[in-house]
mmCIF file of all heavy atoms, coordinates in Angstrom:
data_MODEL
# 
_entry.id   MODEL 
# 
loop_
_atom_site.group_PDB 
_atom_site.id 
_atom_site.type_symbol 
_atom_site.label_atom_id 
_atom_site.label_alt_id 
_atom_site.label_comp_id 
_atom_site.label_asym_id 
_atom_site.label_entity_id 
_atom_site.label_seq_id 
_atom_site.pdbx_PDB_ins_code 
_atom_site.Cartn_x 
_atom_site.Cartn_y 
_atom_site.Cartn_z 
_atom_site.occupancy 
_atom_site.B_iso_or_equiv 
_atom_site.pdbx_formal_charge 
_atom_site.auth_seq_id 
_atom_site.auth_comp_id 
_atom_site.auth_asym_id 
_atom_site.auth_atom_id 
_atom_site.pdbx_PDB_model_num 
ATOM 1   N N   . VAL A 1 1  ? -37.607 32.954 70.779 1.00 0.00 ? 1  VAL A N   1 
ATOM 2   C CA  . VAL A 1 1  ? -36.409 32.956 69.827 1.00 0.00 ? 1  VAL A CA  1 
ATOM 3   C C   . VAL A 1 1  ? -36.805 32.285 68.579 1.00 0.00 ? 1  VAL A C   1 
ATOM 4   O O   . VAL A 1 1  ? -37.562 31.239 68.581 1.00 0.00 ? 1  VAL A O   1 
ATOM 5   C CB  . VAL A 1 1  ? -35.238 32.228 70.590 1.00 0.00 ? 1  VAL A CB  1 
ATOM 6   C CG1 . VAL A 1 1  ? -35.481 30.774 70.942 1.00 0.00 ? 1  VAL A CG1 1 
ATOM 7   C CG2 . VAL A 1 1  ? -34.003 32.323 69.716 1.00 0.00 ? 1  VAL A CG2 1 
ATOM 8   N N   . THR A 1 2  ? -36.367 32.748 67.452 1.00 0.00 ? 2  THR A N   1 
ATOM 9   C CA  . THR A 1 2  ? -36.730 32.133 66.182 1.00 0.00 ? 2  THR A CA  1 
ATOM 10  C C   . THR A 1 2  ? -35.497 31.866 65.351 1.00 0.00 ? 2  THR A C   1 
ATOM 11  O O   . THR A 1 2  ? -34.441 32.483 65.590 1.00 0.00 ? 2  THR A O   1 
ATOM 12  C CB  . THR A 1 2  ? -37.591 33.078 65.336 1.00 0.00 ? 2  THR A CB  1 
ATOM 13  O OG1 . THR A 1 2  ? -36.993 34.281 65.109 1.00 0.00 ? 2  THR A OG1 1 
ATOM 14  C CG2 . THR A 1 2  ? -38.974 33.367 66.032 1.00 0.00 ? 2  THR A CG2 1 
ATOM 15  N N   . LEU A 1 3  ? -35.622 30.885 64.481 1.00 0.00 ? 3  LEU A N   1 
ATOM 16  C CA  . LEU A 1 3  ? -34.504 30.518 63.605 1.00 0.00 ? 3  LEU A CA  1 
ATOM 17  C C   . LEU A 1 3  ? -35.068 30.573 62.200 1.00 0.00 ? 3  LEU A C   1 
ATOM 18  O O   . LEU A 1 3  ? -35.857 29.704 61.798 1.00 0.00 ? 3  LEU A O   1 
ATOM 19  C CB  . LEU A 1 3  ? -34.010 29.104 63.890 1.00 0.00 ? 3  LEU A CB  1 
ATOM 20  C CG  . LEU A 1 3  ? -32.780 28.684 63.159 1.00 0.00 ? 3  LEU A CG  1 
ATOM 21  C CD1 . LEU A 1 3  ? -31.599 29.400 63.515 1.00 0.00 ? 3  LEU A CD1 1 
ATOM 22  C CD2 . LEU A 1 3  ? -32.504 27.225 63.358 1.00 0.00 ? 3  LEU A CD2 1 
ATOM 23  N N   . ALA A 1 4  ? -34.566 31.567 61.447 1.00 0.00 ? 4  ALA A N   1 
ATOM 24  C CA  . ALA A 1 4  ? -34.969 31.722 60.049 1.00 0.00 ? 4  ALA A CA  1 
ATOM 25  C C   . ALA A 1 4  ? -33.973 30.983 59.188 1.00 0.00 ? 4  ALA A C   1 
ATOM 26  O O   . ALA A 1 4  ? -32.834 31.242 59.272 1.00 0.00 ? 4  ALA A O   1 
ATOM 27  C CB  . ALA A 1 4  ? -34.970 33.214 59.636 1.00 0.00 ? 4  ALA A CB  1 
ATOM 28  N N   . MET A 1 5  ? -34.485 30.040 58.337 1.00 0.00 ? 5  MET A N   1 
ATOM 29  C CA  . MET A 1 5  ? -33.615 29.155 57.594 1.00 0.00 ? 5  MET A CA  1 
ATOM 30  C C   . MET A 1 5  ? -33.873 29.377 56.187 1.00 0.00 ? 5  MET A C   1 
ATOM 31  O O   . MET A 1 5  ? -34.990 29.297 55.705 1.00 0.00 ? 5  MET A O   1 
ATOM 32  C CB  . MET A 1 5  ? -33.848 27.694 57.979 1.00 0.00 ? 5  MET A CB  1 
ATOM 33  C CG  . MET A 1 5  ? -33.724 27.458 59.536 1.00 0.00 ? 5  MET A CG  1 
ATOM 34  S SD  . MET A 1 5  ? -33.874 25.696 59.942 1.00 0.00 ? 5  MET A SD  1 
ATOM 35  C CE  . MET A 1 5  ? -35.592 25.408 59.581 1.00 0.00 ? 5  MET A CE  1 
ATOM 36  N N   . HIS A 1 6  ? -32.790 29.617 55.354 1.00 0.00 ? 6  HIS A N   1 
ATOM 37  C CA  . HIS A 1 6  ? -32.997 29.975 53.923 1.00 0.00 ? 6  HIS A CA  1 
ATOM 38  C C   . HIS A 1 6  ? -32.106 28.923 53.182 1.00 0.00 ? 6  HIS A C   1 
ATOM 39  O O   . HIS A 1 6  ? -31.176 28.361 53.684 1.00 0.00 ? 6  HIS A O   1 
ATOM 40  C CB  . HIS A 1 6  ? -32.567 31.396 53.631 1.00 0.00 ? 6  HIS A CB  1 
ATOM 41  C CG  . HIS A 1 6  ? -33.356 32.336 54.404 1.00 0.00 ? 6  HIS A CG  1 
ATOM 42  N ND1 . HIS A 1 6  ? -34.666 32.650 54.192 1.00 0.00 ? 6  HIS A ND1 1 
ATOM 43  C CD2 . HIS A 1 6  ? -32.980 33.083 55.486 1.00 0.00 ? 6  HIS A CD2 1 
ATOM 44  C CE1 . HIS A 1 6  ? -35.055 33.577 54.982 1.00 0.00 ? 6  HIS A CE1 1 
ATOM 45  N NE2 . HIS A 1 6  ? -34.063 33.872 55.823 1.00 0.00 ? 6  HIS A NE2 1 
ATOM 46  N N   . SER A 1 7  ? -32.353 28.777 51.836 1.00 0.00 ? 7  SER A N   1 
ATOM 47  C CA  . SER A 1 7  ? -31.737 27.945 50.947 1.00 0.00 ? 7  SER A CA  1 
ATOM 48  C C   . SER A 1 7  ? -31.478 26.632 51.567 1.00 0.00 ? 7  SER A C   1 
ATOM 49  O O   . SER A 1 7  ? -30.270 26.048 51.652 1.00 0.00 ? 7  SER A O   1 
ATOM 50  C CB  . SER A 1 7  ? -30.332 28.527 50.675 1.00 0.00 ? 7  SER A CB  1 
ATOM 51  O OG  . SER A 1 7  ? -30.480 29.902 50.076 1.00 0.00 ? 7  SER A OG  1 
ATOM 52  N N   . LEU A 1 8  ? -32.559 26.030 51.997 1.00 0.00 ? 8  LEU A N   1 
ATOM 53  C CA  . LEU A 1 8  ? -32.371 24.682 52.745 1.00 0.00 ? 8  LEU A CA  1 
ATOM 54  C C   . LEU A 1 8  ? -31.901 23.600 51.845 1.00 0.00 ? 8  LEU A C   1 
ATOM 55  O O   . LEU A 1 8  ? -32.218 23.571 50.683 1.00 0.00 ? 8  LEU A O   1 
ATOM 56  C CB  . LEU A 1 8  ? -33.763 24.371 53.344 1.00 0.00 ? 8  LEU A CB  1 
ATOM 57  C CG  . LEU A 1 8  ? -34.117 25.139 54.682 1.00 0.00 ? 8  LEU A CG  1 
ATOM 58  C CD1 . LEU A 1 8  ? -35.615 25.076 54.908 1.00 0.00 ? 8  LEU A CD1 1 
ATOM 59  C CD2 . LEU A 1 8  ? -33.290 24.564 55.803 1.00 0.00 ? 8  LEU A CD2 1 
ATOM 60  N N   . LYS A 1 9  ? -31.175 22.732 52.464 1.00 0.00 ? 9  LYS A N   1 
ATOM 61  C CA  . LYS A 1 9  ? -30.570 21.590 51.712 1.00 0.00 ? 9  LYS A CA  1 
ATOM 62  C C   . LYS A 1 9  ? -31.050 20.353 52.375 1.00 0.00 ? 9  LYS A C   1 
ATOM 63  O O   . LYS A 1 9  ? -31.465 20.284 53.565 1.00 0.00 ? 9  LYS A O   1 
ATOM 64  C CB  . LYS A 1 9  ? -28.978 21.650 51.865 1.00 0.00 ? 9  LYS A CB  1 
ATOM 65  C CG  . LYS A 1 9  ? -28.325 23.041 51.378 1.00 0.00 ? 9  LYS A CG  1 
ATOM 66  C CD  . LYS A 1 9  ? -26.925 22.985 51.716 1.00 0.00 ? 9  LYS A CD  1 
ATOM 67  C CE  . LYS A 1 9  ? -26.238 24.295 51.407 1.00 0.00 ? 9  LYS A CE  1 
ATOM 68  N NZ  . LYS A 1 9  ? -24.775 24.229 51.790 1.00 0.00 ? 9  LYS A NZ  1 
ATOM 69  N N   . ALA A 1 10 ? -30.800 19.165 51.647 1.00 0.00 ? 10 ALA A N   1 
ATOM 70  C CA  . ALA A 1 10 ? -31.257 17.904 52.202 1.00 0.00 ? 10 ALA A CA  1 
ATOM 71  C C   . ALA A 1 10 ? -30.502 17.645 53.493 1.00 0.00 ? 10 ALA A C   1 
ATOM 72  O O   . ALA A 1 10 ? -31.030 17.053 54.441 1.00 0.00 ? 10 ALA A O   1 
ATOM 73  C CB  . ALA A 1 10 ? -30.960 16.835 51.185 1.00 0.00 ? 10 ALA A CB  1 
ATOM 74  N N   . ASP A 1 11 ? -29.238 18.098 53.565 1.00 0.00 ? 11 ASP A N   1 
ATOM 75  C CA  . ASP A 1 11 ? -28.387 17.865 54.797 1.00 0.00 ? 11 ASP A CA  1 
ATOM 76  C C   . ASP A 1 11 ? -28.868 18.616 56.001 1.00 0.00 ? 11 ASP A C   1 
ATOM 77  O O   . ASP A 1 11 ? -28.468 18.354 57.118 1.00 0.00 ? 11 ASP A O   1 
ATOM 78  C CB  . ASP A 1 11 ? -27.017 18.294 54.580 1.00 0.00 ? 11 ASP A CB  1 
ATOM 79  C CG  . ASP A 1 11 ? -26.233 17.380 53.596 1.00 0.00 ? 11 ASP A CG  1 
ATOM 80  O OD1 . ASP A 1 11 ? -26.757 16.239 53.377 1.00 0.00 ? 11 ASP A OD1 1 
ATOM 81  O OD2 . ASP A 1 11 ? -25.090 17.724 53.191 1.00 0.00 ? 11 ASP A OD2 1 
ATOM 82  N N   . ASP A 1 12 ? -29.831 19.520 55.818 1.00 0.00 ? 12 ASP A N   1 
ATOM 83  C CA  . ASP A 1 12 ? -30.513 20.259 57.009 1.00 0.00 ? 12 ASP A CA  1 
ATOM 84  C C   . ASP A 1 12 ? -31.605 19.432 57.659 1.00 0.00 ? 12 ASP A C   1 
ATOM 85  O O   . ASP A 1 12 ? -32.143 19.815 58.684 1.00 0.00 ? 12 ASP A O   1 
ATOM 86  C CB  . ASP A 1 12 ? -31.036 21.580 56.501 1.00 0.00 ? 12 ASP A CB  1 
ATOM 87  C CG  . ASP A 1 12 ? -29.912 22.583 56.066 1.00 0.00 ? 12 ASP A CG  1 
ATOM 88  O OD1 . ASP A 1 12 ? -28.830 22.627 56.600 1.00 0.00 ? 12 ASP A OD1 1 
ATOM 89  O OD2 . ASP A 1 12 ? -30.118 23.317 55.010 1.00 0.00 ? 12 ASP A OD2 1 
ATOM 90  N N   . THR A 1 13 ? -31.908 18.269 57.046 1.00 0.00 ? 13 THR A N   1 
ATOM 91  C CA  . THR A 1 13 ? -32.922 17.474 57.550 1.00 0.00 ? 13 THR A CA  1 
ATOM 92  C C   . THR A 1 13 ? -32.544 17.018 58.950 1.00 0.00 ? 13 THR A C   1 
ATOM 93  O O   . THR A 1 13 ? -31.458 16.411 59.142 1.00 0.00 ? 13 THR A O   1 
ATOM 94  C CB  . THR A 1 13 ? -33.207 16.243 56.664 1.00 0.00 ? 13 THR A CB  1 
ATOM 95  O OG1 . THR A 1 13 ? -33.772 16.787 55.429 1.00 0.00 ? 13 THR A OG1 1 
ATOM 96  C CG2 . THR A 1 13 ? -34.199 15.343 57.286 1.00 0.00 ? 13 THR A CG2 1 
ATOM 97  N N   . ALA A 1 14 ? -33.362 17.252 59.978 1.00 0.00 ? 14 ALA A N   1 
ATOM 98  C CA  . ALA A 1 14 ? -33.087 16.879 61.342 1.00 0.00 ? 14 ALA A CA  1 
ATOM 99  C C   . ALA A 1 14 ? -34.237 17.255 62.296 1.00 0.00 ? 14 ALA A C   1 
ATOM 100 O O   . ALA A 1 14 ? -35.188 18.038 61.815 1.00 0.00 ? 14 ALA A O   1 
ATOM 101 C CB  . ALA A 1 14 ? -31.799 17.551 61.817 1.00 0.00 ? 14 ALA A CB  1 
ATOM 102 N N   . VAL A 1 15 ? -34.162 16.830 63.466 1.00 0.00 ? 15 VAL A N   1 
ATOM 103 C CA  . VAL A 1 15 ? -35.013 17.344 64.505 1.00 0.00 ? 15 VAL A CA  1 
ATOM 104 C C   . VAL A 1 15 ? -34.281 18.541 65.093 1.00 0.00 ? 15 VAL A C   1 
ATOM 105 O O   . VAL A 1 15 ? -33.150 18.439 65.478 1.00 0.00 ? 15 VAL A O   1 
ATOM 106 C CB  . VAL A 1 15 ? -35.361 16.374 65.595 1.00 0.00 ? 15 VAL A CB  1 
ATOM 107 C CG1 . VAL A 1 15 ? -36.175 16.963 66.689 1.00 0.00 ? 15 VAL A CG1 1 
ATOM 108 C CG2 . VAL A 1 15 ? -36.037 15.090 65.035 1.00 0.00 ? 15 VAL A CG2 1 
ATOM 109 N N   . TYR A 1 16 ? -34.935 19.702 65.200 1.00 0.00 ? 16 TYR A N   1 
ATOM 110 C CA  . TYR A 1 16 ? -34.349 20.984 65.678 1.00 0.00 ? 16 TYR A CA  1 
ATOM 111 C C   . TYR A 1 16 ? -34.818 21.253 67.057 1.00 0.00 ? 16 TYR A C   1 
ATOM 112 O O   . TYR A 1 16 ? -36.112 21.171 67.347 1.00 0.00 ? 16 TYR A O   1 
ATOM 113 C CB  . TYR A 1 16 ? -34.709 22.053 64.730 1.00 0.00 ? 16 TYR A CB  1 
ATOM 114 C CG  . TYR A 1 16 ? -33.928 21.982 63.511 1.00 0.00 ? 16 TYR A CG  1 
ATOM 115 C CD1 . TYR A 1 16 ? -34.075 21.127 62.434 1.00 0.00 ? 16 TYR A CD1 1 
ATOM 116 C CD2 . TYR A 1 16 ? -32.852 23.006 63.342 1.00 0.00 ? 16 TYR A CD2 1 
ATOM 117 C CE1 . TYR A 1 16 ? -33.376 21.088 61.344 1.00 0.00 ? 16 TYR A CE1 1 
ATOM 118 C CE2 . TYR A 1 16 ? -32.094 22.967 62.173 1.00 0.00 ? 16 TYR A CE2 1 
ATOM 119 C CZ  . TYR A 1 16 ? -32.322 22.026 61.184 1.00 0.00 ? 16 TYR A CZ  1 
ATOM 120 O OH  . TYR A 1 16 ? -31.622 21.997 60.013 1.00 0.00 ? 16 TYR A OH  1 
ATOM 121 N N   . TYR A 1 17 ? -33.837 21.493 67.981 1.00 0.00 ? 17 TYR A N   1 
ATOM 122 C CA  . TYR A 1 17 ? -34.161 21.691 69.365 1.00 0.00 ? 17 TYR A CA  1 
ATOM 123 C C   . TYR A 1 17 ? -33.721 23.087 69.721 1.00 0.00 ? 17 TYR A C   1 
ATOM 124 O O   . TYR A 1 17 ? -32.693 23.624 69.479 1.00 0.00 ? 17 TYR A O   1 
ATOM 125 C CB  . TYR A 1 17 ? -33.313 20.689 70.203 1.00 0.00 ? 17 TYR A CB  1 
ATOM 126 C CG  . TYR A 1 17 ? -33.631 19.274 70.021 1.00 0.00 ? 17 TYR A CG  1 
ATOM 127 C CD1 . TYR A 1 17 ? -33.035 18.555 69.066 1.00 0.00 ? 17 TYR A CD1 1 
ATOM 128 C CD2 . TYR A 1 17 ? -34.671 18.707 70.733 1.00 0.00 ? 17 TYR A CD2 1 
ATOM 129 C CE1 . TYR A 1 17 ? -33.311 17.168 68.799 1.00 0.00 ? 17 TYR A CE1 1 
ATOM 130 C CE2 . TYR A 1 17 ? -34.965 17.319 70.610 1.00 0.00 ? 17 TYR A CE2 1 
ATOM 131 C CZ  . TYR A 1 17 ? -34.383 16.604 69.649 1.00 0.00 ? 17 TYR A CZ  1 
ATOM 132 O OH  . TYR A 1 17 ? -34.619 15.293 69.485 1.00 0.00 ? 17 TYR A OH  1 
ATOM 133 N N   . CYS A 1 18 ? -34.558 23.668 70.617 1.00 0.00 ? 18 CYS A N   1 
ATOM 134 C CA  . CYS A 1 18 ? -34.358 24.915 71.310 1.00 0.00 ? 18 CYS A CA  1 
ATOM 135 C C   . CYS A 1 18 ? -33.791 24.593 72.632 1.00 0.00 ? 18 CYS A C   1 
ATOM 136 O O   . CYS A 1 18 ? -34.119 23.686 73.224 1.00 0.00 ? 18 CYS A O   1 
ATOM 137 C CB  . CYS A 1 18 ? -35.626 25.708 71.375 1.00 0.00 ? 18 CYS A CB  1 
ATOM 138 S SG  . CYS A 1 18 ? -35.541 27.220 72.270 1.00 0.00 ? 18 CYS A SG  1 
ATOM 139 N N   . ALA A 1 19 ? -32.810 25.481 73.035 1.00 0.00 ? 19 ALA A N   1 
ATOM 140 C CA  . ALA A 1 19 ? -32.078 25.257 74.387 1.00 0.00 ? 19 ALA A CA  1 
ATOM 141 C C   . ALA A 1 19 ? -31.856 26.556 75.068 1.00 0.00 ? 19 ALA A C   1 
ATOM 142 O O   . ALA A 1 19 ? -31.705 27.578 74.415 1.00 0.00 ? 19 ALA A O   1 
ATOM 143 C CB  . ALA A 1 19 ? -30.844 24.489 74.066 1.00 0.00 ? 19 ALA A CB  1 
ATOM 144 N N   . ALA A 1 20 ? -31.855 26.413 76.460 1.00 0.00 ? 20 ALA A N   1 
ATOM 145 C CA  . ALA A 1 20 ? -31.703 27.712 77.225 1.00 0.00 ? 20 ALA A CA  1 
ATOM 146 C C   . ALA A 1 20 ? -30.600 27.419 78.311 1.00 0.00 ? 20 ALA A C   1 
ATOM 147 O O   . ALA A 1 20 ? -30.530 26.332 78.937 1.00 0.00 ? 20 ALA A O   1 
ATOM 148 C CB  . ALA A 1 20 ? -32.968 28.068 77.980 1.00 0.00 ? 20 ALA A CB  1 
ATOM 149 N N   . HIS A 1 21 ? -29.789 28.433 78.572 1.00 0.00 ? 21 HIS A N   1 
ATOM 150 C CA  . HIS A 1 21 ? -28.696 28.374 79.519 1.00 0.00 ? 21 HIS A CA  1 
ATOM 151 C C   . HIS A 1 21 ? -28.822 29.693 80.367 1.00 0.00 ? 21 HIS A C   1 
ATOM 152 O O   . HIS A 1 21 ? -28.611 30.763 79.850 1.00 0.00 ? 21 HIS A O   1 
ATOM 153 C CB  . HIS A 1 21 ? -27.439 28.231 78.832 1.00 0.00 ? 21 HIS A CB  1 
ATOM 154 C CG  . HIS A 1 21 ? -26.240 28.482 79.782 1.00 0.00 ? 21 HIS A CG  1 
ATOM 155 N ND1 . HIS A 1 21 ? -26.116 27.715 80.960 1.00 0.00 ? 21 HIS A ND1 1 
ATOM 156 C CD2 . HIS A 1 21 ? -25.131 29.287 79.794 1.00 0.00 ? 21 HIS A CD2 1 
ATOM 157 C CE1 . HIS A 1 21 ? -24.920 28.064 81.596 1.00 0.00 ? 21 HIS A CE1 1 
ATOM 158 N NE2 . HIS A 1 21 ? -24.398 29.024 80.873 1.00 0.00 ? 21 HIS A NE2 1 
ATOM 159 N N   . ARG A 1 22 ? -28.964 29.468 81.699 1.00 0.00 ? 22 ARG A N   1 
ATOM 160 C CA  . ARG A 1 22 ? -28.951 30.680 82.584 1.00 0.00 ? 22 ARG A CA  1 
ATOM 161 C C   . ARG A 1 22 ? -27.513 30.988 82.831 1.00 0.00 ? 22 ARG A C   1 
ATOM 162 O O   . ARG A 1 22 ? -26.695 30.244 83.133 1.00 0.00 ? 22 ARG A O   1 
ATOM 163 C CB  . ARG A 1 22 ? -29.634 30.256 83.890 1.00 0.00 ? 22 ARG A CB  1 
ATOM 164 C CG  . ARG A 1 22 ? -29.705 31.503 84.923 1.00 0.00 ? 22 ARG A CG  1 
ATOM 165 C CD  . ARG A 1 22 ? -30.374 31.049 86.188 1.00 0.00 ? 22 ARG A CD  1 
ATOM 166 N NE  . ARG A 1 22 ? -30.236 32.118 87.141 1.00 0.00 ? 22 ARG A NE  1 
ATOM 167 C CZ  . ARG A 1 22 ? -31.220 33.065 87.342 1.00 0.00 ? 22 ARG A CZ  1 
ATOM 168 N NH1 . ARG A 1 22 ? -32.324 32.972 86.717 1.00 0.00 ? 22 ARG A NH1 1 
ATOM 169 N NH2 . ARG A 1 22 ? -31.118 34.038 88.195 1.00 0.00 ? 22 ARG A NH2 1 
ATOM 170 N N   . THR A 1 23 ? -27.207 32.380 82.661 1.00 0.00 ? 23 THR A N   1 
ATOM 171 C CA  . THR A 1 23 ? -25.949 32.843 82.808 1.00 0.00 ? 23 THR A CA  1 
ATOM 172 C C   . THR A 1 23 ? -25.941 34.219 83.354 1.00 0.00 ? 23 THR A C   1 
ATOM 173 O O   . THR A 1 23 ? -26.840 35.041 83.011 1.00 0.00 ? 23 THR A O   1 
ATOM 174 C CB  . THR A 1 23 ? -25.093 32.771 81.435 1.00 0.00 ? 23 THR A CB  1 
ATOM 175 O OG1 . THR A 1 23 ? -23.857 33.375 81.623 1.00 0.00 ? 23 THR A OG1 1 
ATOM 176 C CG2 . THR A 1 23 ? -25.895 33.506 80.427 1.00 0.00 ? 23 THR A CG2 1 
ATOM 177 N N   . LYS A 1 24 ? -24.892 34.668 83.987 1.00 0.00 ? 24 LYS A N   1 
ATOM 178 C CA  . LYS A 1 24 ? -24.777 35.995 84.505 1.00 0.00 ? 24 LYS A CA  1 
ATOM 179 C C   . LYS A 1 24 ? -24.140 36.887 83.389 1.00 0.00 ? 24 LYS A C   1 
ATOM 180 O O   . LYS A 1 24 ? -24.163 38.121 83.580 1.00 0.00 ? 24 LYS A O   1 
ATOM 181 C CB  . LYS A 1 24 ? -23.920 36.088 85.714 1.00 0.00 ? 24 LYS A CB  1 
ATOM 182 C CG  . LYS A 1 24 ? -22.465 35.639 85.626 1.00 0.00 ? 24 LYS A CG  1 
ATOM 183 C CD  . LYS A 1 24 ? -21.797 35.683 86.995 1.00 0.00 ? 24 LYS A CD  1 
ATOM 184 C CE  . LYS A 1 24 ? -20.322 35.264 86.787 1.00 0.00 ? 24 LYS A CE  1 
ATOM 185 N NZ  . LYS A 1 24 ? -19.539 35.245 87.989 1.00 0.00 ? 24 LYS A NZ  1 
ATOM 186 N N   . PHE A 1 25 ? -23.540 36.285 82.430 1.00 0.00 ? 25 PHE A N   1 
ATOM 187 C CA  . PHE A 1 25 ? -22.933 37.073 81.442 1.00 0.00 ? 25 PHE A CA  1 
ATOM 188 C C   . PHE A 1 25 ? -23.884 37.499 80.235 1.00 0.00 ? 25 PHE A C   1 
ATOM 189 O O   . PHE A 1 25 ? -24.534 36.652 79.642 1.00 0.00 ? 25 PHE A O   1 
ATOM 190 C CB  . PHE A 1 25 ? -21.760 36.170 80.779 1.00 0.00 ? 25 PHE A CB  1 
ATOM 191 C CG  . PHE A 1 25 ? -20.721 35.795 81.804 1.00 0.00 ? 25 PHE A CG  1 
ATOM 192 C CD1 . PHE A 1 25 ? -20.668 34.401 82.112 1.00 0.00 ? 25 PHE A CD1 1 
ATOM 193 C CD2 . PHE A 1 25 ? -19.874 36.701 82.383 1.00 0.00 ? 25 PHE A CD2 1 
ATOM 194 C CE1 . PHE A 1 25 ? -19.711 33.998 83.134 1.00 0.00 ? 25 PHE A CE1 1 
ATOM 195 C CE2 . PHE A 1 25 ? -18.938 36.275 83.302 1.00 0.00 ? 25 PHE A CE2 1 
ATOM 196 C CZ  . PHE A 1 25 ? -18.911 34.926 83.707 1.00 0.00 ? 25 PHE A CZ  1 
# 
């Protein structure tokens, strides 16, 4: 999974985490 980020701002500064949830839906 990828996250394409554009027009980045100073407020976007952070540690970015990927997460997964097993679901039947």
